[in-house]
N, C-alpha and C. Protein backbone atom coordinates (compact mmCIF):
# COMPACT_ATOMS: atom_id res chain seq x y z
N TRP A 1 0.81 -1.20 0.00
CA TRP A 1 0.00 0.00 0.00
C TRP A 1 0.84 1.25 0.00
N ILE A 2 1.82 1.27 0.86
CA ILE A 2 2.61 2.51 0.97
C ILE A 2 3.70 2.50 -0.10
N LEU A 3 3.64 3.47 -0.98
CA LEU A 3 4.65 3.63 -2.02
C LEU A 3 5.31 4.98 -1.87
N PHE A 4 6.61 5.00 -2.04
CA PHE A 4 7.34 6.26 -1.96
C PHE A 4 7.81 6.62 -3.37
N GLU A 5 6.88 6.99 -4.21
CA GLU A 5 7.24 7.31 -5.58
C GLU A 5 6.84 8.75 -5.87
N SER A 6 7.76 9.52 -6.27
CA SER A 6 7.58 10.93 -6.65
C SER A 6 6.73 11.72 -5.66
N GLY A 7 7.04 11.60 -4.39
CA GLY A 7 6.36 12.40 -3.38
C GLY A 7 5.00 11.88 -2.96
N LYS A 8 4.57 10.77 -3.52
CA LYS A 8 3.26 10.22 -3.14
C LYS A 8 3.49 9.11 -2.12
N PHE A 9 2.87 9.26 -0.96
CA PHE A 9 3.03 8.25 0.07
C PHE A 9 2.03 7.12 -0.10
N PHE A 10 0.90 7.40 -0.68
CA PHE A 10 -0.10 6.38 -0.95
C PHE A 10 -0.42 6.47 -2.44
N LEU A 11 -0.97 5.43 -2.98
CA LEU A 11 -1.21 5.40 -4.42
C LEU A 11 -2.02 6.59 -4.92
N HIS A 12 -3.08 6.95 -4.23
CA HIS A 12 -3.98 7.97 -4.75
C HIS A 12 -3.96 9.28 -3.96
N LEU A 13 -3.17 9.34 -2.94
CA LEU A 13 -3.16 10.53 -2.10
C LEU A 13 -1.77 11.16 -2.09
N GLU A 14 -1.73 12.44 -2.27
CA GLU A 14 -0.47 13.14 -2.06
C GLU A 14 -0.50 13.69 -0.65
N MET A 15 0.43 13.25 0.16
CA MET A 15 0.49 13.68 1.55
C MET A 15 1.92 14.06 1.88
N THR A 16 2.07 15.09 2.68
CA THR A 16 3.39 15.40 3.18
C THR A 16 3.66 14.50 4.38
N PHE A 17 4.90 14.51 4.83
CA PHE A 17 5.27 13.70 5.99
C PHE A 17 4.51 14.17 7.23
N ALA A 18 4.07 15.42 7.25
CA ALA A 18 3.27 15.93 8.37
C ALA A 18 1.95 15.19 8.45
N ALA A 19 1.29 14.98 7.31
CA ALA A 19 0.01 14.24 7.30
C ALA A 19 0.23 12.78 7.66
N VAL A 20 1.30 12.19 7.16
CA VAL A 20 1.61 10.79 7.50
C VAL A 20 1.87 10.68 9.00
N SER A 21 2.59 11.65 9.57
CA SER A 21 2.85 11.65 11.02
C SER A 21 1.55 11.79 11.80
N ALA A 22 0.65 12.63 11.32
CA ALA A 22 -0.64 12.80 11.99
C ALA A 22 -1.42 11.50 11.99
N VAL A 23 -1.42 10.81 10.86
CA VAL A 23 -2.11 9.52 10.77
C VAL A 23 -1.46 8.51 11.71
N ALA A 24 -0.13 8.48 11.75
CA ALA A 24 0.58 7.54 12.62
C ALA A 24 0.26 7.81 14.09
N LEU A 25 0.28 9.08 14.50
CA LEU A 25 -0.04 9.41 15.89
C LEU A 25 -1.49 9.07 16.21
N GLY A 26 -2.38 9.30 15.24
CA GLY A 26 -3.78 8.92 15.42
C GLY A 26 -3.94 7.42 15.59
N CYS A 27 -3.17 6.64 14.83
CA CYS A 27 -3.22 5.17 14.95
C CYS A 27 -2.72 4.70 16.31
N VAL A 28 -1.66 5.33 16.80
CA VAL A 28 -1.15 4.99 18.14
C VAL A 28 -2.22 5.28 19.19
N HIS A 29 -2.87 6.43 19.04
CA HIS A 29 -3.95 6.80 19.97
C HIS A 29 -5.07 5.77 19.92
N LEU A 30 -5.46 5.38 18.72
CA LEU A 30 -6.52 4.39 18.55
C LEU A 30 -6.13 3.04 19.16
N LEU A 31 -4.89 2.63 18.95
CA LEU A 31 -4.40 1.36 19.51
C LEU A 31 -4.47 1.38 21.04
N LEU A 32 -4.04 2.47 21.65
CA LEU A 32 -4.10 2.58 23.11
C LEU A 32 -5.55 2.57 23.59
N ALA A 33 -6.44 3.24 22.87
CA ALA A 33 -7.86 3.25 23.25
C ALA A 33 -8.46 1.85 23.15
N ILE A 34 -8.09 1.10 22.11
CA ILE A 34 -8.59 -0.27 21.97
C ILE A 34 -8.06 -1.14 23.10
N CYS A 35 -6.78 -0.97 23.46
CA CYS A 35 -6.21 -1.72 24.59
C CYS A 35 -6.99 -1.46 25.87
N MET A 36 -7.30 -0.20 26.12
CA MET A 36 -8.06 0.14 27.34
C MET A 36 -9.47 -0.44 27.29
N SER A 37 -10.10 -0.42 26.14
CA SER A 37 -11.44 -1.01 26.01
C SER A 37 -11.39 -2.51 26.27
N CYS A 38 -10.36 -3.16 25.76
CA CYS A 38 -10.20 -4.61 26.00
C CYS A 38 -9.99 -4.89 27.49
N TRP A 39 -9.19 -4.06 28.16
CA TRP A 39 -8.99 -4.22 29.60
C TRP A 39 -10.33 -4.08 30.34
N ARG A 40 -11.10 -3.08 29.96
CA ARG A 40 -12.39 -2.85 30.64
C ARG A 40 -13.35 -4.01 30.39
N LEU A 41 -13.38 -4.52 29.16
CA LEU A 41 -14.22 -5.68 28.87
C LEU A 41 -13.78 -6.89 29.67
N TYR A 42 -12.47 -7.08 29.77
CA TYR A 42 -11.93 -8.17 30.57
C TYR A 42 -12.41 -8.06 32.02
N GLY A 43 -12.37 -6.85 32.57
CA GLY A 43 -12.82 -6.63 33.94
C GLY A 43 -14.29 -6.92 34.11
N ILE A 44 -15.10 -6.56 33.12
CA ILE A 44 -16.54 -6.82 33.19
C ILE A 44 -16.81 -8.32 33.10
N ILE A 45 -16.14 -8.99 32.16
CA ILE A 45 -16.36 -10.43 31.98
C ILE A 45 -15.92 -11.21 33.21
N LYS A 46 -14.77 -10.88 33.75
CA LYS A 46 -14.23 -11.59 34.92
C LYS A 46 -14.81 -11.07 36.23
N ARG A 47 -15.60 -10.00 36.16
CA ARG A 47 -16.17 -9.35 37.35
C ARG A 47 -15.06 -9.01 38.34
N GLU A 48 -14.05 -8.40 37.79
CA GLU A 48 -12.86 -8.07 38.57
C GLU A 48 -12.69 -6.56 38.59
N LYS A 49 -12.36 -6.02 39.75
CA LYS A 49 -12.08 -4.60 39.85
C LYS A 49 -10.64 -4.38 39.39
N LEU A 50 -10.49 -3.61 38.32
CA LEU A 50 -9.18 -3.45 37.70
C LEU A 50 -8.38 -2.29 38.27
N ASP A 51 -8.99 -1.46 39.09
CA ASP A 51 -8.27 -0.29 39.62
C ASP A 51 -7.05 -0.68 40.43
N ASP A 52 -7.03 -1.89 40.96
CA ASP A 52 -5.90 -2.35 41.76
C ASP A 52 -4.88 -3.15 40.95
N VAL A 53 -5.16 -3.39 39.68
CA VAL A 53 -4.25 -4.16 38.83
C VAL A 53 -3.22 -3.21 38.22
N TRP A 54 -1.95 -3.48 38.52
CA TRP A 54 -0.87 -2.58 38.11
C TRP A 54 -0.83 -2.38 36.59
N THR A 55 -0.94 -3.45 35.83
CA THR A 55 -0.87 -3.35 34.38
C THR A 55 -1.99 -2.47 33.84
N PHE A 56 -3.18 -2.62 34.39
CA PHE A 56 -4.30 -1.78 33.98
C PHE A 56 -4.01 -0.31 34.30
N GLN A 57 -3.47 -0.06 35.48
CA GLN A 57 -3.13 1.31 35.87
C GLN A 57 -2.11 1.92 34.91
N MET A 58 -1.09 1.14 34.54
CA MET A 58 -0.05 1.66 33.64
C MET A 58 -0.64 1.97 32.27
N PHE A 59 -1.45 1.05 31.73
CA PHE A 59 -2.05 1.31 30.43
C PHE A 59 -3.00 2.50 30.50
N SER A 60 -3.72 2.61 31.59
CA SER A 60 -4.66 3.72 31.76
C SER A 60 -3.92 5.05 31.79
N ARG A 61 -2.85 5.11 32.57
CA ARG A 61 -2.06 6.35 32.65
C ARG A 61 -1.41 6.69 31.32
N THR A 62 -0.91 5.66 30.66
CA THR A 62 -0.27 5.87 29.36
C THR A 62 -1.26 6.40 28.34
N GLN A 63 -2.43 5.77 28.28
CA GLN A 63 -3.45 6.19 27.32
C GLN A 63 -3.94 7.60 27.62
N LEU A 64 -4.14 7.90 28.89
CA LEU A 64 -4.60 9.23 29.26
C LEU A 64 -3.56 10.30 28.93
N ASN A 65 -2.30 10.02 29.25
CA ASN A 65 -1.25 10.98 28.94
C ASN A 65 -1.12 11.19 27.44
N ASN A 66 -1.16 10.11 26.69
CA ASN A 66 -1.06 10.23 25.23
C ASN A 66 -2.25 11.01 24.67
N ALA A 67 -3.43 10.79 25.22
CA ALA A 67 -4.63 11.48 24.73
C ALA A 67 -4.53 13.00 24.94
N GLU A 68 -3.80 13.42 25.96
CA GLU A 68 -3.63 14.86 26.21
C GLU A 68 -2.88 15.54 25.07
N TYR A 69 -1.98 14.83 24.43
CA TYR A 69 -1.13 15.43 23.41
C TYR A 69 -1.58 15.13 21.98
N THR A 70 -2.15 13.98 21.74
CA THR A 70 -2.43 13.54 20.37
C THR A 70 -3.30 14.51 19.60
N GLY A 71 -4.38 14.97 20.20
CA GLY A 71 -5.28 15.87 19.47
C GLY A 71 -4.59 17.13 19.00
N VAL A 72 -3.80 17.74 19.88
CA VAL A 72 -3.08 18.96 19.53
C VAL A 72 -2.04 18.68 18.45
N HIS A 73 -1.29 17.61 18.62
CA HIS A 73 -0.26 17.27 17.64
C HIS A 73 -0.87 17.00 16.27
N VAL A 74 -1.93 16.22 16.23
CA VAL A 74 -2.57 15.89 14.95
C VAL A 74 -3.12 17.15 14.28
N ALA A 75 -3.77 18.01 15.07
CA ALA A 75 -4.33 19.25 14.50
C ALA A 75 -3.23 20.12 13.89
N PHE A 76 -2.14 20.32 14.62
CA PHE A 76 -1.04 21.13 14.09
C PHE A 76 -0.41 20.49 12.86
N LEU A 77 -0.19 19.17 12.90
CA LEU A 77 0.43 18.49 11.77
C LEU A 77 -0.44 18.58 10.52
N LEU A 78 -1.74 18.42 10.68
CA LEU A 78 -2.64 18.52 9.52
C LEU A 78 -2.69 19.95 8.99
N TRP A 79 -2.61 20.93 9.88
CA TRP A 79 -2.58 22.33 9.44
C TRP A 79 -1.30 22.61 8.66
N ILE A 80 -0.18 22.07 9.15
CA ILE A 80 1.10 22.24 8.45
C ILE A 80 1.02 21.60 7.07
N ASP A 81 0.44 20.39 6.98
CA ASP A 81 0.26 19.73 5.70
C ASP A 81 -0.58 20.60 4.76
N TYR A 82 -1.66 21.16 5.29
CA TYR A 82 -2.53 22.03 4.49
C TYR A 82 -1.77 23.25 3.97
N LYS A 83 -1.00 23.89 4.84
CA LYS A 83 -0.26 25.09 4.44
C LYS A 83 0.76 24.77 3.34
N TYR A 84 1.47 23.65 3.48
CA TYR A 84 2.45 23.28 2.47
C TYR A 84 1.76 23.01 1.13
N GLN A 85 0.66 22.26 1.19
CA GLN A 85 -0.02 21.94 -0.07
C GLN A 85 -0.67 23.17 -0.69
N ALA A 86 -1.20 24.08 0.13
CA ALA A 86 -1.79 25.32 -0.39
C ALA A 86 -0.73 26.19 -1.06
N ALA A 87 0.51 26.08 -0.58
CA ALA A 87 1.61 26.84 -1.18
C ALA A 87 2.20 26.13 -2.40
N GLY A 88 1.62 24.98 -2.75
CA GLY A 88 2.09 24.24 -3.92
C GLY A 88 3.32 23.40 -3.67
N LEU A 89 3.66 23.19 -2.41
CA LEU A 89 4.84 22.38 -2.07
C LEU A 89 4.40 20.93 -1.83
N THR A 90 5.14 19.98 -2.39
CA THR A 90 4.78 18.57 -2.24
C THR A 90 5.57 17.86 -1.15
N SER A 91 6.60 18.51 -0.66
CA SER A 91 7.37 17.89 0.43
C SER A 91 7.72 18.97 1.47
N LEU A 92 7.97 18.49 2.67
CA LEU A 92 8.28 19.39 3.77
C LEU A 92 9.73 19.85 3.71
N SER A 93 10.01 20.93 4.42
CA SER A 93 11.39 21.36 4.59
C SER A 93 12.12 20.32 5.44
N THR A 94 13.42 20.37 5.42
CA THR A 94 14.22 19.45 6.24
C THR A 94 13.88 19.63 7.71
N PHE A 95 13.73 20.87 8.14
CA PHE A 95 13.37 21.15 9.53
C PHE A 95 12.04 20.50 9.89
N ALA A 96 11.03 20.67 9.04
CA ALA A 96 9.70 20.12 9.32
C ALA A 96 9.72 18.59 9.32
N THR A 97 10.48 18.01 8.40
CA THR A 97 10.59 16.55 8.35
C THR A 97 11.22 16.01 9.62
N CYS A 98 12.30 16.66 10.07
CA CYS A 98 12.95 16.25 11.33
C CYS A 98 12.00 16.42 12.50
N MET A 99 11.25 17.51 12.51
CA MET A 99 10.29 17.76 13.58
C MET A 99 9.26 16.63 13.68
N CYS A 100 8.74 16.20 12.53
CA CYS A 100 7.76 15.11 12.52
C CYS A 100 8.37 13.82 13.07
N GLY A 101 9.58 13.52 12.64
CA GLY A 101 10.25 12.31 13.13
C GLY A 101 10.52 12.36 14.62
N ILE A 102 10.98 13.51 15.10
CA ILE A 102 11.26 13.67 16.54
C ILE A 102 9.97 13.56 17.35
N LEU A 103 8.90 14.15 16.86
CA LEU A 103 7.62 14.10 17.55
C LEU A 103 7.11 12.66 17.66
N MET A 104 7.19 11.91 16.57
CA MET A 104 6.74 10.52 16.61
C MET A 104 7.65 9.65 17.47
N LEU A 105 8.96 9.84 17.34
CA LEU A 105 9.92 9.07 18.14
C LEU A 105 9.70 9.32 19.63
N GLY A 106 9.53 10.58 20.01
CA GLY A 106 9.30 10.91 21.41
C GLY A 106 8.02 10.31 21.95
N THR A 107 6.97 10.33 21.15
CA THR A 107 5.69 9.76 21.59
C THR A 107 5.81 8.26 21.81
N VAL A 108 6.38 7.56 20.84
CA VAL A 108 6.52 6.10 20.96
C VAL A 108 7.46 5.74 22.10
N ASN A 109 8.57 6.44 22.23
CA ASN A 109 9.54 6.18 23.29
C ASN A 109 8.91 6.40 24.66
N PHE A 110 8.15 7.47 24.81
CA PHE A 110 7.50 7.75 26.08
C PHE A 110 6.48 6.67 26.43
N ILE A 111 5.68 6.27 25.46
CA ILE A 111 4.66 5.24 25.71
C ILE A 111 5.33 3.94 26.14
N LEU A 112 6.37 3.53 25.42
CA LEU A 112 7.06 2.29 25.80
C LEU A 112 7.71 2.43 27.17
N GLY A 113 8.29 3.58 27.45
CA GLY A 113 8.90 3.80 28.76
C GLY A 113 7.87 3.74 29.88
N PHE A 114 6.69 4.27 29.65
CA PHE A 114 5.62 4.23 30.64
C PHE A 114 5.19 2.79 30.90
N ILE A 115 5.02 2.03 29.82
CA ILE A 115 4.55 0.65 29.94
C ILE A 115 5.61 -0.25 30.57
N LEU A 116 6.89 0.03 30.32
CA LEU A 116 7.96 -0.83 30.81
C LEU A 116 8.26 -0.64 32.30
N LEU A 117 7.75 0.43 32.92
CA LEU A 117 8.03 0.63 34.34
C LEU A 117 7.51 -0.56 35.14
N PRO A 118 8.30 -1.06 36.08
CA PRO A 118 7.86 -2.23 36.85
C PRO A 118 6.79 -1.87 37.87
N ASN A 119 6.18 -2.90 38.41
CA ASN A 119 5.15 -2.74 39.43
C ASN A 119 5.83 -2.37 40.74
N MET A 120 5.78 -1.10 41.09
CA MET A 120 6.45 -0.63 42.30
C MET A 120 5.66 -1.03 43.56
N GLN A 121 4.38 -1.37 43.38
CA GLN A 121 3.57 -1.78 44.53
C GLN A 121 4.03 -3.12 45.10
N THR A 122 4.65 -3.96 44.27
CA THR A 122 5.11 -5.27 44.75
C THR A 122 6.57 -5.22 45.16
N GLY A 123 7.15 -4.03 45.16
CA GLY A 123 8.53 -3.89 45.60
C GLY A 123 9.55 -4.14 44.51
N GLN A 124 9.11 -4.29 43.25
CA GLN A 124 10.07 -4.45 42.17
C GLN A 124 10.89 -3.18 42.02
N PRO A 125 12.19 -3.30 41.91
CA PRO A 125 13.01 -2.09 41.78
C PRO A 125 12.84 -1.44 40.42
N VAL A 126 12.93 -0.13 40.42
CA VAL A 126 12.91 0.62 39.16
C VAL A 126 14.35 0.71 38.68
N THR A 127 14.63 0.09 37.55
CA THR A 127 15.99 0.13 37.02
C THR A 127 16.20 1.46 36.28
N ILE A 128 17.41 1.92 36.30
CA ILE A 128 17.75 3.18 35.64
C ILE A 128 17.44 3.11 34.15
N SER A 129 17.72 1.95 33.52
CA SER A 129 17.50 1.84 32.07
C SER A 129 16.02 2.00 31.73
N LYS A 130 15.13 1.42 32.52
CA LYS A 130 13.70 1.55 32.24
C LYS A 130 13.21 2.97 32.53
N LEU A 131 13.72 3.56 33.60
CA LEU A 131 13.32 4.92 33.93
C LEU A 131 13.86 5.90 32.89
N MET A 132 15.08 5.68 32.43
CA MET A 132 15.67 6.55 31.42
C MET A 132 14.91 6.48 30.11
N PHE A 133 14.36 5.30 29.79
CA PHE A 133 13.57 5.15 28.57
C PHE A 133 12.40 6.13 28.59
N LYS A 134 11.74 6.24 29.73
CA LYS A 134 10.60 7.16 29.86
C LYS A 134 11.08 8.61 29.86
N ILE A 135 12.14 8.90 30.61
CA ILE A 135 12.64 10.27 30.70
C ILE A 135 13.12 10.77 29.34
N VAL A 136 13.86 9.93 28.63
CA VAL A 136 14.32 10.31 27.29
C VAL A 136 13.12 10.53 26.37
N GLY A 137 12.10 9.68 26.49
CA GLY A 137 10.89 9.86 25.70
C GLY A 137 10.21 11.18 25.98
N VAL A 138 10.16 11.56 27.25
CA VAL A 138 9.56 12.85 27.63
C VAL A 138 10.34 14.00 27.01
N ILE A 139 11.66 13.95 27.14
CA ILE A 139 12.50 15.02 26.61
C ILE A 139 12.35 15.13 25.09
N ILE A 140 12.39 13.98 24.41
CA ILE A 140 12.27 13.99 22.95
C ILE A 140 10.89 14.52 22.54
N ARG A 141 9.85 14.09 23.26
CA ARG A 141 8.50 14.54 22.89
C ARG A 141 8.35 16.04 23.11
N TYR A 142 8.88 16.59 24.20
CA TYR A 142 8.79 18.03 24.44
C TYR A 142 9.60 18.82 23.42
N ILE A 143 10.75 18.30 23.03
CA ILE A 143 11.54 18.95 21.97
C ILE A 143 10.73 18.94 20.67
N GLY A 144 10.12 17.79 20.37
CA GLY A 144 9.28 17.70 19.18
C GLY A 144 8.11 18.67 19.22
N TYR A 145 7.52 18.83 20.40
CA TYR A 145 6.40 19.76 20.56
C TYR A 145 6.87 21.20 20.32
N ALA A 146 8.03 21.55 20.87
CA ALA A 146 8.57 22.90 20.66
C ALA A 146 8.88 23.13 19.18
N LEU A 147 9.46 22.13 18.53
CA LEU A 147 9.75 22.26 17.09
C LEU A 147 8.46 22.35 16.29
N LEU A 148 7.42 21.67 16.73
CA LEU A 148 6.11 21.76 16.07
C LEU A 148 5.59 23.18 16.11
N LEU A 149 5.73 23.83 17.25
CA LEU A 149 5.28 25.22 17.38
C LEU A 149 6.12 26.15 16.50
N VAL A 150 7.43 25.90 16.44
CA VAL A 150 8.30 26.71 15.58
C VAL A 150 7.88 26.54 14.12
N GLU A 151 7.63 25.30 13.70
CA GLU A 151 7.23 25.05 12.32
C GLU A 151 5.86 25.66 12.02
N THR A 152 4.98 25.70 13.01
CA THR A 152 3.68 26.34 12.82
C THR A 152 3.86 27.82 12.52
N VAL A 153 4.75 28.47 13.26
CA VAL A 153 5.04 29.89 13.00
C VAL A 153 5.67 30.04 11.61
N ASN A 154 6.58 29.14 11.26
CA ASN A 154 7.19 29.19 9.92
C ASN A 154 6.14 29.06 8.83
N CYS A 155 5.15 28.20 9.04
CA CYS A 155 4.10 27.98 8.03
C CYS A 155 3.21 29.19 7.85
N MET A 156 3.15 30.05 8.83
CA MET A 156 2.33 31.26 8.69
C MET A 156 2.91 32.16 7.60
N GLN A 157 4.18 31.96 7.28
CA GLN A 157 4.83 32.77 6.24
C GLN A 157 4.56 32.24 4.83
N LEU A 158 4.09 31.00 4.73
CA LEU A 158 3.84 30.40 3.41
C LEU A 158 2.63 31.08 2.76
N LYS A 159 2.77 31.37 1.50
CA LYS A 159 1.70 32.01 0.74
C LYS A 159 1.01 30.98 -0.16
N ALA A 160 -0.31 31.02 -0.19
CA ALA A 160 -1.07 30.11 -1.06
C ALA A 160 -0.86 30.50 -2.51
N GLN A 161 -0.87 29.49 -3.38
CA GLN A 161 -0.70 29.76 -4.81
C GLN A 161 -1.99 30.22 -5.43
């Protein structure tokens, strides 16, 4: 399905990397929402209170934290895609392309870092490597967010054709 031929990411759609990033972040959001729905269904079927289950808590916190950022990121990325296409540009600047990659990398890294944290309620130690995974994810995601805002300001200078 995905073809990288002459600036076209999909056979019939011309999309910049900003739009592809928006779709990818939306898919991650959807995947986390489906995971949470499955957890809740499991709790209903088993008649089990999940609030005390560590894995449920971690997925819940991860999904909630991701939901706080996804809507804003997707909206900005789609606006950037619109501005580039309205200006007749078929590909992003190097800065914008790097921004999209950093934003996605930070989001995925943060989510994995959140999920990998051990159950501290049972006395499992928090290893530096697992904690650093989350911290690095946070730093990368915030850098990506700042770059997203910079690129948004840059896009205000683009003129429609």
